[in-house]
């Protein structure tokens, strides 16, 4: 007679938890539309000066992503080159 082995749950490795309340919305500048308009009116010659509702929280959130991801850079460049 065949014995049935009970299934053992494998524990997943603990993920680093990000602090509660940090999300992409805290990184959206409150003056985005205004600065975008100024940027394009200047023919892209001025640097936007963004203001944030909670600068400390935005800085903390952005510190989780210090380097841009590059795995899609090649395809992104091809897309941009096809329109320029």
Protein backbone atom coordinates (compact mmCIF):
# COMPACT_ATOMS: atom_id res chain seq x y z
CA UNK A 1 0.00 0.00 0.00
CA UNK A 2 1.36 3.43 -1.02
CA UNK A 3 1.81 5.97 1.76
CA UNK A 4 0.75 9.53 1.13
CA UNK A 5 3.36 12.09 2.05
CA UNK A 6 1.99 15.32 3.53
CA UNK A 7 2.90 18.44 1.57
CA UNK A 8 5.32 20.69 3.36
CA UNK A 9 4.97 24.41 2.75
CA UNK A 10 8.21 26.03 1.75
CA UNK A 11 8.74 29.34 3.42
CA UNK A 12 9.40 32.22 1.10
CA UNK A 13 12.43 34.35 1.85
CA UNK A 14 11.53 37.52 3.69
CA UNK A 15 11.27 40.52 1.40
CA UNK A 16 12.51 43.90 2.46
CA UNK A 17 9.43 45.86 3.38
CA UNK A 18 9.11 49.39 2.21
CA UNK A 19 7.74 51.82 4.76
CA UNK A 20 3.97 52.28 4.72
CA UNK A 21 2.78 55.36 2.92
CA UNK A 22 5.56 55.45 0.36
CA UNK A 23 4.08 55.28 -3.08
CA UNK A 24 4.47 56.80 -6.50
CA UNK A 25 1.95 59.56 -5.75
CA UNK A 26 4.22 61.17 -3.19
CA UNK A 27 6.75 61.76 -5.97
CA UNK A 28 4.36 63.72 -8.22
CA UNK A 29 5.17 67.43 -8.03
CA UNK A 30 2.26 69.64 -7.06
CA UNK A 31 3.29 72.17 -9.73
CA UNK A 32 3.85 69.64 -12.54
CA UNK A 33 1.48 71.17 -15.10
CA UNK A 34 2.75 74.70 -14.50
CA UNK A 35 6.41 73.68 -14.85
CA UNK A 36 5.65 71.56 -17.91
CA UNK A 37 4.04 74.55 -19.62
CA UNK A 38 6.98 76.82 -18.74
CA UNK A 39 9.45 74.20 -20.00
CA UNK A 40 7.83 73.89 -23.41
CA UNK A 41 7.19 77.63 -23.75
CA UNK A 42 10.92 78.17 -23.22
CA UNK A 43 11.66 75.76 -26.09
CA UNK A 44 13.01 73.25 -23.56
CA UNK A 45 15.73 75.66 -22.42
CA UNK A 46 14.83 76.05 -18.74
CA UNK A 47 14.99 73.45 -16.00
CA UNK A 48 11.72 72.76 -14.18
CA UNK A 49 11.62 73.74 -10.52
CA UNK A 50 9.34 71.18 -8.93
CA UNK A 51 7.63 71.53 -5.57
CA UNK A 52 6.39 68.56 -3.56
CA UNK A 53 3.60 68.29 -1.01
CA UNK A 54 5.86 66.27 1.28
CA UNK A 55 9.50 66.60 0.14
CA UNK A 56 10.87 64.32 2.86
CA UNK A 57 8.54 61.48 1.89
CA UNK A 58 9.25 61.93 -1.83
CA UNK A 59 13.01 61.85 -1.17
CA UNK A 60 12.65 58.76 1.00
CA UNK A 61 10.59 56.98 -1.69
CA UNK A 62 13.01 57.90 -4.47
CA UNK A 63 15.93 56.60 -2.38
CA UNK A 64 14.56 53.08 -2.93
CA UNK A 65 15.32 53.50 -6.64
CA UNK A 66 18.72 55.22 -6.85
CA UNK A 67 19.58 53.94 -10.34
CA UNK A 68 17.34 53.82 -13.40
CA UNK A 69 16.49 50.38 -14.77
CA UNK A 70 18.22 49.79 -18.10
CA UNK A 71 16.77 46.49 -19.28
CA UNK A 72 14.32 48.27 -21.63
CA UNK A 73 16.68 51.02 -22.75
CA UNK A 74 17.52 49.44 -26.12
CA UNK A 75 13.89 49.07 -27.19
CA UNK A 76 13.01 52.52 -25.81
CA UNK A 77 15.81 54.05 -27.88
CA UNK A 78 14.55 52.28 -31.02
CA UNK A 79 11.04 53.60 -30.41
CA UNK A 80 12.27 57.17 -29.92
CA UNK A 81 14.58 56.99 -32.94
CA UNK A 82 11.70 55.88 -35.16
CA UNK A 83 9.78 59.07 -34.32
CA UNK A 84 12.62 61.59 -34.37
